[in-house]
Amino acid sequence: MNPHNFFAELKRRNVYKVAISYAVVGWLGIQIATQVFPFFEIPNWAIRLAVLAIVIGFPIALVIAWAF
């Protein structure tokens, strides 16, 4: 497959927009979790779990963006 065609297809399917949006919202979610969770005395493992869920969700979001 031609790399130029591949990147053009990513752009056509709005995968770039989904990746950037997910990264921004994920970063914001992590920032909120690290600031708010200790205030409510939620354990540190919950912050790690939230970060892990966001990281695992990134490729899933890209696959869904590609499909639709």
N, C-alpha and C. Protein backbone atom coordinates (compact mmCIF):
# COMPACT_ATOMS: atom_id res chain seq x y z
N MET A 1 0.84 -1.18 0.00
CA MET A 1 0.00 0.00 0.00
C MET A 1 0.89 1.24 0.00
N ASN A 2 0.51 2.19 -0.77
CA ASN A 2 1.23 3.45 -0.86
C ASN A 2 1.01 4.26 0.42
N PRO A 3 2.08 4.69 1.11
CA PRO A 3 1.91 5.46 2.35
C PRO A 3 1.08 6.74 2.14
N HIS A 4 1.24 7.37 0.99
CA HIS A 4 0.46 8.59 0.73
C HIS A 4 -1.03 8.28 0.70
N ASN A 5 -1.39 7.18 0.06
CA ASN A 5 -2.81 6.78 0.01
C ASN A 5 -3.34 6.42 1.39
N PHE A 6 -2.49 5.76 2.18
CA PHE A 6 -2.91 5.38 3.53
C PHE A 6 -3.21 6.60 4.39
N PHE A 7 -2.32 7.59 4.38
CA PHE A 7 -2.54 8.79 5.18
C PHE A 7 -3.71 9.61 4.64
N ALA A 8 -3.92 9.58 3.34
CA ALA A 8 -5.08 10.26 2.77
C ALA A 8 -6.37 9.59 3.23
N GLU A 9 -6.35 8.26 3.32
CA GLU A 9 -7.53 7.53 3.80
C GLU A 9 -7.79 7.82 5.28
N LEU A 10 -6.72 7.92 6.08
CA LEU A 10 -6.89 8.28 7.49
C LEU A 10 -7.54 9.65 7.61
N LYS A 11 -7.10 10.57 6.79
CA LYS A 11 -7.67 11.92 6.83
C LYS A 11 -9.13 11.91 6.36
N ARG A 12 -9.42 11.15 5.34
CA ARG A 12 -10.79 11.09 4.82
C ARG A 12 -11.75 10.51 5.85
N ARG A 13 -11.28 9.54 6.62
CA ARG A 13 -12.13 8.90 7.62
C ARG A 13 -12.10 9.63 8.97
N ASN A 14 -11.45 10.76 9.06
CA ASN A 14 -11.38 11.59 10.27
C ASN A 14 -10.70 10.90 11.44
N VAL A 15 -9.80 9.98 11.16
CA VAL A 15 -9.07 9.29 12.22
C VAL A 15 -8.14 10.27 12.94
N TYR A 16 -7.57 11.21 12.19
CA TYR A 16 -6.72 12.24 12.81
C TYR A 16 -7.49 13.03 13.86
N LYS A 17 -8.69 13.46 13.50
CA LYS A 17 -9.51 14.27 14.42
C LYS A 17 -9.86 13.48 15.68
N VAL A 18 -10.20 12.22 15.50
CA VAL A 18 -10.53 11.38 16.65
C VAL A 18 -9.31 11.20 17.54
N ALA A 19 -8.14 10.98 16.95
CA ALA A 19 -6.91 10.79 17.73
C ALA A 19 -6.58 12.04 18.55
N ILE A 20 -6.66 13.19 17.92
CA ILE A 20 -6.35 14.44 18.63
C ILE A 20 -7.39 14.71 19.71
N SER A 21 -8.65 14.53 19.38
CA SER A 21 -9.72 14.77 20.36
C SER A 21 -9.59 13.82 21.55
N TYR A 22 -9.33 12.55 21.28
CA TYR A 22 -9.18 11.57 22.36
C TYR A 22 -7.99 11.91 23.24
N ALA A 23 -6.89 12.32 22.62
CA ALA A 23 -5.70 12.67 23.39
C ALA A 23 -5.97 13.86 24.30
N VAL A 24 -6.65 14.88 23.80
CA VAL A 24 -6.94 16.07 24.60
C VAL A 24 -7.90 15.73 25.74
N VAL A 25 -8.97 15.03 25.43
CA VAL A 25 -9.95 14.69 26.47
C VAL A 25 -9.34 13.70 27.47
N GLY A 26 -8.54 12.76 26.99
CA GLY A 26 -7.87 11.82 27.89
C GLY A 26 -6.91 12.52 28.83
N TRP A 27 -6.13 13.47 28.28
CA TRP A 27 -5.22 14.25 29.11
C TRP A 27 -5.99 15.03 30.17
N LEU A 28 -7.11 15.63 29.77
CA LEU A 28 -7.93 16.38 30.71
C LEU A 28 -8.49 15.46 31.80
N GLY A 29 -8.94 14.28 31.39
CA GLY A 29 -9.45 13.31 32.37
C GLY A 29 -8.40 12.88 33.36
N ILE A 30 -7.18 12.67 32.89
CA ILE A 30 -6.09 12.29 33.79
C ILE A 30 -5.78 13.43 34.76
N GLN A 31 -5.76 14.65 34.26
CA GLN A 31 -5.48 15.80 35.12
C GLN A 31 -6.55 15.95 36.20
N ILE A 32 -7.80 15.78 35.83
CA ILE A 32 -8.89 15.88 36.81
C ILE A 32 -8.78 14.75 37.82
N ALA A 33 -8.50 13.53 37.36
CA ALA A 33 -8.38 12.40 38.28
C ALA A 33 -7.25 12.61 39.28
N THR A 34 -6.10 13.09 38.82
CA THR A 34 -4.97 13.27 39.74
C THR A 34 -5.22 14.40 40.73
N GLN A 35 -6.06 15.33 40.38
CA GLN A 35 -6.35 16.43 41.30
C GLN A 35 -7.51 16.13 42.25
N VAL A 36 -8.53 15.43 41.77
CA VAL A 36 -9.75 15.24 42.54
C VAL A 36 -9.73 13.96 43.39
N PHE A 37 -9.16 12.88 42.87
CA PHE A 37 -9.19 11.61 43.59
C PHE A 37 -8.58 11.70 44.99
N PRO A 38 -7.41 12.33 45.17
CA PRO A 38 -6.87 12.43 46.53
C PRO A 38 -7.77 13.25 47.47
N PHE A 39 -8.47 14.22 46.93
CA PHE A 39 -9.35 15.05 47.75
C PHE A 39 -10.47 14.21 48.37
N PHE A 40 -10.98 13.24 47.61
CA PHE A 40 -12.03 12.37 48.10
C PHE A 40 -11.48 11.08 48.71
N GLU A 41 -10.16 11.03 48.93
CA GLU A 41 -9.47 9.90 49.53
C GLU A 41 -9.68 8.60 48.76
N ILE A 42 -9.73 8.72 47.45
CA ILE A 42 -9.81 7.54 46.59
C ILE A 42 -8.37 7.00 46.46
N PRO A 43 -8.17 5.69 46.56
CA PRO A 43 -6.81 5.14 46.56
C PRO A 43 -6.04 5.43 45.27
N ASN A 44 -4.71 5.40 45.38
CA ASN A 44 -3.86 5.68 44.22
C ASN A 44 -4.03 4.66 43.10
N TRP A 45 -4.39 3.44 43.43
CA TRP A 45 -4.57 2.44 42.38
C TRP A 45 -5.72 2.82 41.45
N ALA A 46 -6.67 3.59 41.94
CA ALA A 46 -7.79 4.02 41.09
C ALA A 46 -7.31 5.01 40.02
N ILE A 47 -6.35 5.85 40.39
CA ILE A 47 -5.78 6.78 39.41
C ILE A 47 -5.04 5.98 38.33
N ARG A 48 -4.27 4.99 38.76
CA ARG A 48 -3.55 4.15 37.80
C ARG A 48 -4.52 3.40 36.89
N LEU A 49 -5.62 2.94 37.45
CA LEU A 49 -6.64 2.24 36.67
C LEU A 49 -7.28 3.18 35.65
N ALA A 50 -7.55 4.42 36.04
CA ALA A 50 -8.13 5.39 35.12
C ALA A 50 -7.17 5.70 33.98
N VAL A 51 -5.89 5.87 34.29
CA VAL A 51 -4.89 6.13 33.25
C VAL A 51 -4.78 4.93 32.32
N LEU A 52 -4.77 3.74 32.87
CA LEU A 52 -4.68 2.53 32.06
C LEU A 52 -5.90 2.38 31.15
N ALA A 53 -7.08 2.69 31.66
CA ALA A 53 -8.30 2.61 30.84
C ALA A 53 -8.24 3.61 29.68
N ILE A 54 -7.72 4.79 29.94
CA ILE A 54 -7.60 5.79 28.88
C ILE A 54 -6.60 5.35 27.83
N VAL A 55 -5.48 4.79 28.27
CA VAL A 55 -4.46 4.33 27.33
C VAL A 55 -4.96 3.15 26.50
N ILE A 56 -5.65 2.21 27.12
CA ILE A 56 -6.18 1.06 26.39
C ILE A 56 -7.30 1.49 25.45
N GLY A 57 -8.06 2.50 25.82
CA GLY A 57 -9.16 2.96 24.98
C GLY A 57 -8.73 3.68 23.73
N PHE A 58 -7.49 4.18 23.70
CA PHE A 58 -7.03 4.95 22.55
C PHE A 58 -7.04 4.14 21.25
N PRO A 59 -6.40 2.97 21.20
CA PRO A 59 -6.46 2.21 19.93
C PRO A 59 -7.87 1.75 19.58
N ILE A 60 -8.69 1.48 20.59
CA ILE A 60 -10.06 1.08 20.34
C ILE A 60 -10.81 2.23 19.66
N ALA A 61 -10.60 3.44 20.14
CA ALA A 61 -11.25 4.60 19.53
C ALA A 61 -10.79 4.80 18.10
N LEU A 62 -9.52 4.56 17.82
CA LEU A 62 -9.02 4.71 16.46
C LEU A 62 -9.61 3.65 15.53
N VAL A 63 -9.76 2.43 16.00
CA VAL A 63 -10.36 1.38 15.19
C VAL A 63 -11.82 1.70 14.89
N ILE A 64 -12.53 2.19 15.88
CA ILE A 64 -13.93 2.56 15.67
C ILE A 64 -14.04 3.72 14.71
N ALA A 65 -13.13 4.70 14.83
CA ALA A 65 -13.13 5.84 13.89
C ALA A 65 -12.84 5.36 12.48
N TRP A 66 -11.96 4.40 12.32
CA TRP A 66 -11.66 3.87 10.99
C TRP A 66 -12.88 3.16 10.41
N ALA A 67 -13.59 2.40 11.26
CA ALA A 67 -14.73 1.62 10.78
C ALA A 67 -15.91 2.51 10.39
N PHE A 68 -16.10 3.60 11.11
CA PHE A 68 -17.25 4.45 10.82
C PHE A 68 -16.80 5.72 10.17
